[in-house]
């Protein structure tokens, strides 16, 4: 994915990782009052219809979304967002 020169958000489609590659995934921890969200890098073990299985520090985690380490994570995309410059100019 690339950064847009106008809005500095991300543009393009993320690359789909393959089993055995290192991927970034999100871990959510917390109690009833607060949550801690962090992105970790692990090895993709299994691709399923409802998510992914990733090994990180000897433990298997199940994640809804993974990304390649050189791509923005789902957490980064939620903060920065996707470019909509081309969509806006086509509607004008």
PDB file of N, CA and C in Angstrom:
ATOM      1  N   UNK A   1       0.839  -1.176   0.000  1.00  0.00           N
ATOM      2  CA  UNK A   1       0.000   0.000   0.000  1.00  0.00           C
ATOM      3  C   UNK A   1       0.885   1.239   0.000  1.00  0.00           C
ATOM      4  N   UNK A   2       0.396   2.265  -0.591  1.00  0.00           N
ATOM      5  CA  UNK A   2       1.144   3.522  -0.708  1.00  0.00           C
ATOM      6  C   UNK A   2       0.395   4.626   0.043  1.00  0.00           C
ATOM      7  N   UNK A   3       1.099   5.694   0.337  1.00  0.00           N
ATOM      8  CA  UNK A   3       0.476   6.882   0.931  1.00  0.00           C
ATOM      9  C   UNK A   3       0.041   7.814  -0.185  1.00  0.00           C
ATOM     10  N   UNK A   4      -1.149   8.384  -0.064  1.00  0.00           N
ATOM     11  CA  UNK A   4      -1.649   9.362  -1.028  1.00  0.00           C
ATOM     12  C   UNK A   4      -0.856  10.658  -0.856  1.00  0.00           C
ATOM     13  N   UNK A   5      -0.491  11.298  -1.961  1.00  0.00           N
ATOM     14  CA  UNK A   5       0.280  12.543  -1.901  1.00  0.00           C
ATOM     15  C   UNK A   5      -0.571  13.715  -1.416  1.00  0.00           C
ATOM     16  N   UNK A   6      -1.896  13.651  -1.606  1.00  0.00           N
ATOM     17  CA  UNK A   6      -2.772  14.757  -1.200  1.00  0.00           C
ATOM     18  C   UNK A   6      -3.158  14.681   0.271  1.00  0.00           C
ATOM     19  N   UNK A   7      -3.736  13.549   0.690  1.00  0.00           N
ATOM     20  CA  UNK A   7      -4.289  13.457   2.047  1.00  0.00           C
ATOM     21  C   UNK A   7      -3.410  12.661   3.012  1.00  0.00           C
ATOM     22  N   UNK A   8      -2.355  11.989   2.507  1.00  0.00           N
ATOM     23  CA  UNK A   8      -1.419  11.183   3.296  1.00  0.00           C
ATOM     24  C   UNK A   8      -2.071   9.946   3.923  1.00  0.00           C
ATOM     25  N   UNK A   9      -3.260   9.581   3.472  1.00  0.00           N
ATOM     26  CA  UNK A   9      -3.876   8.331   3.909  1.00  0.00           C
ATOM     27  C   UNK A   9      -3.390   7.218   2.994  1.00  0.00           C
ATOM     28  N   UNK A  10      -3.760   5.978   3.310  1.00  0.00           N
ATOM     29  CA  UNK A  10      -3.293   4.839   2.529  1.00  0.00           C
ATOM     30  C   UNK A  10      -4.192   4.589   1.327  1.00  0.00           C
ATOM     31  N   UNK A  11      -3.567   4.177   0.220  1.00  0.00           N
ATOM     32  CA  UNK A  11      -4.292   3.857  -0.996  1.00  0.00           C
ATOM     33  C   UNK A  11      -3.803   2.517  -1.524  1.00  0.00           C
ATOM     34  N   UNK A  12      -4.658   1.795  -2.239  1.00  0.00           N
ATOM     35  CA  UNK A  12      -4.289   0.495  -2.797  1.00  0.00           C
ATOM     36  C   UNK A  12      -4.855  -0.636  -1.970  1.00  0.00           C
ATOM     37  N   UNK A  13      -4.609  -1.845  -2.436  1.00  0.00           N
ATOM     38  CA  UNK A  13      -5.088  -3.045  -1.758  1.00  0.00           C
ATOM     39  C   UNK A  13      -3.938  -3.718  -1.016  1.00  0.00           C
ATOM     40  N   UNK A  14      -4.191  -4.199   0.204  1.00  0.00           N
ATOM     41  CA  UNK A  14      -3.126  -4.897   0.934  1.00  0.00           C
ATOM     42  C   UNK A  14      -2.811  -6.245   0.301  1.00  0.00           C
ATOM     43  N   UNK A  15      -1.566  -6.664   0.429  1.00  0.00           N
ATOM     44  CA  UNK A  15      -1.130  -7.964  -0.089  1.00  0.00           C
ATOM     45  C   UNK A  15      -1.614  -9.063   0.856  1.00  0.00           C
ATOM     46  N   UNK A  16      -2.111 -10.155   0.307  1.00  0.00           N
ATOM     47  CA  UNK A  16      -2.595 -11.274   1.114  1.00  0.00           C
ATOM     48  C   UNK A  16      -1.415 -12.163   1.516  1.00  0.00           C
ATOM     49  N   UNK A  17      -1.218 -12.369   2.811  1.00  0.00           N
ATOM     50  CA  UNK A  17      -0.098 -13.207   3.263  1.00  0.00           C
ATOM     51  C   UNK A  17      -0.375 -14.690   3.032  1.00  0.00           C
ATOM     52  N   UNK A  18       0.675 -15.477   3.004  1.00  0.00           N
ATOM     53  CA  UNK A  18       0.582 -16.928   2.817  1.00  0.00           C
ATOM     54  C   UNK A  18       0.977 -17.630   4.111  1.00  0.00           C
ATOM     55  N   UNK A  19       0.547 -18.868   4.256  1.00  0.00           N
ATOM     56  CA  UNK A  19       0.878 -19.663   5.436  1.00  0.00           C
ATOM     57  C   UNK A  19       2.399 -19.788   5.537  1.00  0.00           C
ATOM     58  N   UNK A  20       2.931 -19.581   6.742  1.00  0.00           N
ATOM     59  CA  UNK A  20       4.363 -19.659   6.984  1.00  0.00           C
ATOM     60  C   UNK A  20       5.046 -18.303   6.998  1.00  0.00           C
ATOM     61  N   UNK A  21       4.379 -17.271   6.476  1.00  0.00           N
ATOM     62  CA  UNK A  21       4.964 -15.929   6.481  1.00  0.00           C
ATOM     63  C   UNK A  21       4.744 -15.254   7.825  1.00  0.00           C
ATOM     64  N   UNK A  22       5.579 -14.268   8.127  1.00  0.00           N
ATOM     65  CA  UNK A  22       5.373 -13.451   9.317  1.00  0.00           C
ATOM     66  C   UNK A  22       4.293 -12.421   9.008  1.00  0.00           C
ATOM     67  N   UNK A  23       3.378 -12.244   9.960  1.00  0.00           N
ATOM     68  CA  UNK A  23       2.267 -11.311   9.789  1.00  0.00           C
ATOM     69  C   UNK A  23       2.089 -10.489  11.059  1.00  0.00           C
ATOM     70  N   UNK A  24       1.475  -9.323  10.910  1.00  0.00           N
ATOM     71  CA  UNK A  24       1.073  -8.513  12.054  1.00  0.00           C
ATOM     72  C   UNK A  24      -0.379  -8.831  12.374  1.00  0.00           C
ATOM     73  N   UNK A  25      -0.702  -8.905  13.667  1.00  0.00           N
ATOM     74  CA  UNK A  25      -2.070  -9.141  14.099  1.00  0.00           C
ATOM     75  C   UNK A  25      -2.326  -8.348  15.365  1.00  0.00           C
ATOM     76  N   UNK A  26      -3.575  -8.177  15.705  1.00  0.00           N
ATOM     77  CA  UNK A  26      -3.957  -7.340  16.838  1.00  0.00           C
ATOM     78  C   UNK A  26      -4.346  -8.213  18.031  1.00  0.00           C
ATOM     79  N   UNK A  27      -3.829  -7.875  19.198  1.00  0.00           N
ATOM     80  CA  UNK A  27      -4.198  -8.538  20.450  1.00  0.00           C
ATOM     81  C   UNK A  27      -4.978  -7.530  21.291  1.00  0.00           C
ATOM     82  N   UNK A  28      -6.141  -7.952  21.777  1.00  0.00           N
ATOM     83  CA  UNK A  28      -6.961  -7.103  22.646  1.00  0.00           C
ATOM     84  C   UNK A  28      -6.987  -7.752  24.024  1.00  0.00           C
ATOM     85  N   UNK A  29      -6.541  -6.997  25.021  1.00  0.00           N
ATOM     86  CA  UNK A  29      -6.536  -7.480  26.397  1.00  0.00           C
ATOM     87  C   UNK A  29      -7.249  -6.460  27.260  1.00  0.00           C
ATOM     88  N   UNK A  30      -7.788  -6.929  28.365  1.00  0.00           N
ATOM     89  CA  UNK A  30      -8.388  -5.989  29.297  1.00  0.00           C
ATOM     90  C   UNK A  30      -9.450  -6.626  30.159  1.00  0.00           C
ATOM     91  N   UNK A  31      -9.926  -5.837  31.093  1.00  0.00           N
ATOM     92  CA  UNK A  31     -11.010  -6.289  31.956  1.00  0.00           C
ATOM     93  C   UNK A  31     -12.290  -5.592  31.522  1.00  0.00           C
ATOM     94  N   UNK A  32     -13.270  -5.561  32.361  1.00  0.00           N
ATOM     95  CA  UNK A  32     -14.555  -4.967  32.005  1.00  0.00           C
ATOM     96  C   UNK A  32     -14.519  -3.456  31.830  1.00  0.00           C
ATOM     97  N   UNK A  33     -13.529  -2.792  32.431  1.00  0.00           N
ATOM     98  CA  UNK A  33     -13.500  -1.332  32.385  1.00  0.00           C
ATOM     99  C   UNK A  33     -12.596  -0.762  31.307  1.00  0.00           C
ATOM    100  N   UNK A  34     -11.549  -1.455  30.945  1.00  0.00           N
ATOM    101  CA  UNK A  34     -10.607  -0.904  29.973  1.00  0.00           C
ATOM    102  C   UNK A  34     -10.085  -2.010  29.064  1.00  0.00           C
ATOM    103  N   UNK A  35      -9.570  -1.581  27.915  1.00  0.00           N
ATOM    104  CA  UNK A  35      -8.978  -2.520  26.963  1.00  0.00           C
ATOM    105  C   UNK A  35      -7.631  -1.976  26.509  1.00  0.00           C
ATOM    106  N   UNK A  36      -6.686  -2.899  26.299  1.00  0.00           N
ATOM    107  CA  UNK A  36      -5.387  -2.554  25.719  1.00  0.00           C
ATOM    108  C   UNK A  36      -5.291  -3.249  24.376  1.00  0.00           C
ATOM    109  N   UNK A  37      -5.041  -2.477  23.346  1.00  0.00           N
ATOM    110  CA  UNK A  37      -4.928  -3.009  21.994  1.00  0.00           C
ATOM    111  C   UNK A  37      -3.482  -2.842  21.553  1.00  0.00           C
ATOM    112  N   UNK A  38      -2.887  -3.944  21.078  1.00  0.00           N
ATOM    113  CA  UNK A  38      -1.511  -3.875  20.601  1.00  0.00           C
ATOM    114  C   UNK A  38      -1.364  -4.742  19.355  1.00  0.00           C
ATOM    115  N   UNK A  39      -0.406  -4.379  18.530  1.00  0.00           N
ATOM    116  CA  UNK A  39      -0.113  -5.119  17.311  1.00  0.00           C
ATOM    117  C   UNK A  39       1.181  -5.889  17.524  1.00  0.00           C
ATOM    118  N   UNK A  40       1.163  -7.170  17.220  1.00  0.00           N
ATOM    119  CA  UNK A  40       2.330  -8.039  17.368  1.00  0.00           C
ATOM    120  C   UNK A  40       2.622  -8.728  16.042  1.00  0.00           C
ATOM    121  N   UNK A  41       3.848  -9.214  15.876  1.00  0.00           N
ATOM    122  CA  UNK A  41       4.249  -9.941  14.674  1.00  0.00           C
ATOM    123  C   UNK A  41       4.458 -11.406  15.040  1.00  0.00           C
ATOM    124  N   UNK A  42       3.777 -12.288  14.316  1.00  0.00           N
ATOM    125  CA  UNK A  42       3.884 -13.726  14.535  1.00  0.00           C
ATOM    126  C   UNK A  42       3.936 -14.456  13.212  1.00  0.00           C
ATOM    127  N   UNK A  43       3.934 -15.776  13.274  1.00  0.00           N
ATOM    128  CA  UNK A  43       4.002 -16.603  12.072  1.00  0.00           C
ATOM    129  C   UNK A  43       2.607 -17.146  11.763  1.00  0.00           C
ATOM    130  N   UNK A  44       2.151 -16.940  10.525  1.00  0.00           N
ATOM    131  CA  UNK A  44       0.827 -17.394  10.106  1.00  0.00           C
ATOM    132  C   UNK A  44       0.832 -18.907  10.005  1.00  0.00           C
ATOM    133  N   UNK A  45      -0.057 -19.528  10.773  1.00  0.00           N
ATOM    134  CA  UNK A  45      -0.104 -20.980  10.851  1.00  0.00           C
ATOM    135  C   UNK A  45      -1.240 -21.560  10.018  1.00  0.00           C
ATOM    136  N   UNK A  46      -2.399 -20.873   9.984  1.00  0.00           N
ATOM    137  CA  UNK A  46      -3.582 -21.426   9.343  1.00  0.00           C
ATOM    138  C   UNK A  46      -4.488 -20.294   8.879  1.00  0.00           C
ATOM    139  N   UNK A  47      -5.045 -20.452   7.675  1.00  0.00           N
ATOM    140  CA  UNK A  47      -6.036 -19.509   7.162  1.00  0.00           C
ATOM    141  C   UNK A  47      -7.371 -20.240   7.151  1.00  0.00           C
ATOM    142  N   UNK A  48      -8.348 -19.701   7.898  1.00  0.00           N
ATOM    143  CA  UNK A  48      -9.667 -20.321   7.986  1.00  0.00           C
ATOM    144  C   UNK A  48     -10.705 -19.380   7.384  1.00  0.00           C
ATOM    145  N   UNK A  49     -11.919 -19.887   7.219  1.00  0.00           N
ATOM    146  CA  UNK A  49     -13.002 -19.072   6.666  1.00  0.00           C
ATOM    147  C   UNK A  49     -13.374 -17.929   7.607  1.00  0.00           C
ATOM    148  N   UNK A  50     -13.255 -18.143   8.912  1.00  0.00           N
ATOM    149  CA  UNK A  50     -13.665 -17.124   9.880  1.00  0.00           C
ATOM    150  C   UNK A  50     -12.490 -16.387  10.517  1.00  0.00           C
ATOM    151  N   UNK A  51     -11.276 -16.567  10.009  1.00  0.00           N
ATOM    152  CA  UNK A  51     -10.143 -15.840  10.560  1.00  0.00           C
ATOM    153  C   UNK A  51      -8.822 -16.526  10.294  1.00  0.00           C
ATOM    154  N   UNK A  52      -7.847 -16.222  11.143  1.00  0.00           N
ATOM    155  CA  UNK A  52      -6.482 -16.700  10.969  1.00  0.00           C
ATOM    156  C   UNK A  52      -5.954 -17.224  12.296  1.00  0.00           C
ATOM    157  N   UNK A  53      -5.040 -18.181  12.237  1.00  0.00           N
ATOM    158  CA  UNK A  53      -4.331 -18.667  13.422  1.00  0.00           C
ATOM    159  C   UNK A  53      -2.865 -18.262  13.282  1.00  0.00           C
ATOM    160  N   UNK A  54      -2.353 -17.608  14.323  1.00  0.00           N
ATOM    161  CA  UNK A  54      -0.994 -17.066  14.305  1.00  0.00           C
ATOM    162  C   UNK A  54      -0.256 -17.551  15.544  1.00  0.00           C
ATOM    163  N   UNK A  55       1.010 -17.964  15.370  1.00  0.00           N
ATOM    164  CA  UNK A  55       1.852 -18.360  16.499  1.00  0.00           C
ATOM    165  C   UNK A  55       2.700 -17.162  16.891  1.00  0.00           C
ATOM    166  N   UNK A  56       2.624 -16.785  18.165  1.00  0.00           N
ATOM    167  CA  UNK A  56       3.424 -15.686  18.708  1.00  0.00           C
ATOM    168  C   UNK A  56       3.950 -16.117  20.070  1.00  0.00           C
ATOM    169  N   UNK A  57       5.267 -16.172  20.217  1.00  0.00           N
ATOM    170  CA  UNK A  57       5.936 -16.580  21.463  1.00  0.00           C
ATOM    171  C   UNK A  57       5.440 -17.934  21.965  1.00  0.00           C
ATOM    172  N   UNK A  58       5.264 -18.886  21.038  1.00  0.00           N
ATOM    173  CA  UNK A  58       4.883 -20.239  21.400  1.00  0.00           C
ATOM    174  C   UNK A  58       3.419 -20.441  21.706  1.00  0.00           C
ATOM    175  N   UNK A  59       2.613 -19.413  21.554  1.00  0.00           N
ATOM    176  CA  UNK A  59       1.179 -19.507  21.842  1.00  0.00           C
ATOM    177  C   UNK A  59       0.397 -19.226  20.569  1.00  0.00           C
ATOM    178  N   UNK A  60      -0.713 -19.936  20.367  1.00  0.00           N
ATOM    179  CA  UNK A  60      -1.532 -19.756  19.173  1.00  0.00           C
ATOM    180  C   UNK A  60      -2.614 -18.725  19.466  1.00  0.00           C
ATOM    181  N   UNK A  61      -2.703 -17.709  18.610  1.00  0.00           N
ATOM    182  CA  UNK A  61      -3.731 -16.676  18.705  1.00  0.00           C
ATOM    183  C   UNK A  61      -4.641 -16.772  17.485  1.00  0.00           C
ATOM    184  N   UNK A  62      -5.911 -16.480  17.683  1.00  0.00           N
ATOM    185  CA  UNK A  62      -6.877 -16.463  16.588  1.00  0.00           C
ATOM    186  C   UNK A  62      -7.250 -15.015  16.330  1.00  0.00           C
ATOM    187  N   UNK A  63      -7.127 -14.591  15.073  1.00  0.00           N
ATOM    188  CA  UNK A  63      -7.348 -13.194  14.723  1.00  0.00           C
ATOM    189  C   UNK A  63      -8.293 -13.094  13.535  1.00  0.00           C
ATOM    190  N   UNK A  64      -9.089 -12.028  13.514  1.00  0.00           N
ATOM    191  CA  UNK A  64      -9.997 -11.784  12.392  1.00  0.00           C
ATOM    192  C   UNK A  64      -9.265 -11.210  11.193  1.00  0.00           C
ATOM    193  N   UNK A  65      -8.183 -10.480  11.450  1.00  0.00           N
ATOM    194  CA  UNK A  65      -7.448  -9.824  10.361  1.00  0.00           C
ATOM    195  C   UNK A  65      -5.952  -9.884  10.634  1.00  0.00           C
ATOM    196  N   UNK A  66      -5.191 -10.105   9.579  1.00  0.00           N
ATOM    197  CA  UNK A  66      -3.734 -10.058   9.649  1.00  0.00           C
ATOM    198  C   UNK A  66      -3.235  -9.211   8.487  1.00  0.00           C
ATOM    199  N   UNK A  67      -2.007  -8.723   8.616  1.00  0.00           N
ATOM    200  CA  UNK A  67      -1.402  -7.950   7.530  1.00  0.00           C
ATOM    201  C   UNK A  67       0.082  -8.271   7.468  1.00  0.00           C
ATOM    202  N   UNK A  68       0.668  -8.044   6.327  1.00  0.00           N
ATOM    203  CA  UNK A  68       2.109  -8.247   6.166  1.00  0.00           C
ATOM    204  C   UNK A  68       2.841  -7.169   6.969  1.00  0.00           C
ATOM    205  N   UNK A  69       4.006  -7.477   7.519  1.00  0.00           N
ATOM    206  CA  UNK A  69       4.720  -6.501   8.354  1.00  0.00           C
ATOM    207  C   UNK A  69       5.065  -5.193   7.638  1.00  0.00           C
ATOM    208  N   UNK A  70       5.253  -5.240   6.314  1.00  0.00           N
ATOM    209  CA  UNK A  70       5.573  -4.008   5.598  1.00  0.00           C
ATOM    210  C   UNK A  70       4.317  -3.255   5.153  1.00  0.00           C
ATOM    211  N   UNK A  71       3.141  -3.764   5.484  1.00  0.00           N
ATOM    212  CA  UNK A  71       1.864  -3.107   5.193  1.00  0.00           C
ATOM    213  C   UNK A  71       1.328  -2.497   6.493  1.00  0.00           C
ATOM    214  N   UNK A  72       0.448  -1.509   6.401  1.00  0.00           N
ATOM    215  CA  UNK A  72      -0.148  -0.973   7.624  1.00  0.00           C
ATOM    216  C   UNK A  72      -1.086  -1.995   8.266  1.00  0.00           C
ATOM    217  N   UNK A  73      -1.072  -2.068   9.588  1.00  0.00           N
ATOM    218  CA  UNK A  73      -1.945  -3.004  10.302  1.00  0.00           C
ATOM    219  C   UNK A  73      -3.374  -2.470  10.316  1.00  0.00           C
ATOM    220  N   UNK A  74      -4.296  -3.306  10.729  1.00  0.00           N
ATOM    221  CA  UNK A  74      -5.691  -2.872  10.822  1.00  0.00           C
ATOM    222  C   UNK A  74      -5.843  -1.749  11.850  1.00  0.00           C
ATOM    223  N   UNK A  75      -5.008  -1.767  12.889  1.00  0.00           N
ATOM    224  CA  UNK A  75      -5.037  -0.699  13.893  1.00  0.00           C
ATOM    225  C   UNK A  75      -4.572   0.623  13.277  1.00  0.00           C
ATOM    226  N   UNK A  76      -3.505   0.579  12.496  1.00  0.00           N
ATOM    227  CA  UNK A  76      -3.011   1.785  11.818  1.00  0.00           C
ATOM    228  C   UNK A  76      -4.048   2.303  10.828  1.00  0.00           C
ATOM    229  N   UNK A  77      -4.666   1.406  10.068  1.00  0.00           N
ATOM    230  CA  UNK A  77      -5.681   1.828   9.098  1.00  0.00           C
ATOM    231  C   UNK A  77      -6.890   2.468   9.775  1.00  0.00           C
ATOM    232  N   UNK A  78      -7.249   1.986  10.966  1.00  0.00           N
ATOM    233  CA  UNK A  78      -8.389   2.585  11.656  1.00  0.00           C
ATOM    234  C   UNK A  78      -8.073   3.998  12.146  1.00  0.00           C
ATOM    235  N   UNK A  79      -6.806   4.262  12.478  1.00  0.00           N
ATOM    236  CA  UNK A  79      -6.420   5.609  12.901  1.00  0.00           C
ATOM    237  C   UNK A  79      -6.215   6.545  11.711  1.00  0.00           C
ATOM    238  N   UNK A  80      -5.504   6.085  10.682  1.00  0.00           N
ATOM    239  CA  UNK A  80      -5.143   6.936   9.550  1.00  0.00           C
ATOM    240  C   UNK A  80      -6.243   6.967   8.497  1.00  0.00           C
ATOM    241  N   UNK A  81      -6.794   5.814   8.166  1.00  0.00           N
ATOM    242  CA  UNK A  81      -7.872   5.721   7.183  1.00  0.00           C
ATOM    243  C   UNK A  81      -7.378   5.450   5.778  1.00  0.00           C
ATOM    244  N   UNK A  82      -8.342   5.204   4.915  1.00  0.00           N
ATOM    245  CA  UNK A  82      -8.062   4.938   3.508  1.00  0.00           C
ATOM    246  C   UNK A  82      -8.330   6.196   2.689  1.00  0.00           C
ATOM    247  N   UNK A  83      -7.569   6.383   1.633  1.00  0.00           N
ATOM    248  CA  UNK A  83      -7.698   7.544   0.752  1.00  0.00           C
ATOM    249  C   UNK A  83      -9.041   7.527   0.025  1.00  0.00           C
ATOM    250  N   UNK A  84      -9.688   8.668  -0.021  1.00  0.00           N
ATOM    251  CA  UNK A  84     -10.940   8.806  -0.744  1.00  0.00           C
ATOM    252  C   UNK A  84     -10.856   9.929  -1.767  1.00  0.00           C
ATOM    253  N   UNK A  85      -9.661  10.354  -2.108  1.00  0.00           N
ATOM    254  CA  UNK A  85      -9.467  11.463  -3.050  1.00  0.00           C
ATOM    255  C   UNK A  85     -10.048  11.133  -4.433  1.00  0.00           C
ATOM    256  N   UNK A  86      -9.785   9.918  -4.934  1.00  0.00           N
ATOM    257  CA  UNK A  86     -10.280   9.535  -6.259  1.00  0.00           C
ATOM    258  C   UNK A  86     -11.801   9.433  -6.266  1.00  0.00           C
ATOM    259  N   UNK A  87     -12.389   8.930  -5.163  1.00  0.00           N
ATOM    260  CA  UNK A  87     -13.847   8.821  -5.077  1.00  0.00           C
ATOM    261  C   UNK A  87     -14.489  10.199  -5.089  1.00  0.00           C
ATOM    262  N   UNK A  88     -13.906  11.146  -4.335  1.00  0.00           N
ATOM    263  CA  UNK A  88     -14.466  12.502  -4.265  1.00  0.00           C
ATOM    264  C   UNK A  88     -14.388  13.216  -5.603  1.00  0.00           C
ATOM    265  N   UNK A  89     -13.273  13.051  -6.324  1.00  0.00           N
ATOM    266  CA  UNK A  89     -13.131  13.747  -7.602  1.00  0.00           C
ATOM    267  C   UNK A  89     -14.035  13.167  -8.671  1.00  0.00           C
ATOM    268  N   UNK A  90     -14.389  11.867  -8.578  1.00  0.00           N
ATOM    269  CA  UNK A  90     -15.282  11.281  -9.574  1.00  0.00           C
ATOM    270  C   UNK A  90     -16.727  11.699  -9.339  1.00  0.00           C
ATOM    271  N   UNK A  91     -17.076  12.087  -8.103  1.00  0.00           N
ATOM    272  CA  UNK A  91     -18.450  12.523  -7.805  1.00  0.00           C
ATOM    273  C   UNK A  91     -18.653  13.999  -8.115  1.00  0.00           C
ATOM    274  N   UNK A  92     -17.586  14.768  -8.204  1.00  0.00           N
ATOM    275  CA  UNK A  92     -17.717  16.211  -8.402  1.00  0.00           C
ATOM    276  C   UNK A  92     -18.030  16.569  -9.836  1.00  0.00           C
TER     277      UNK A  92
END
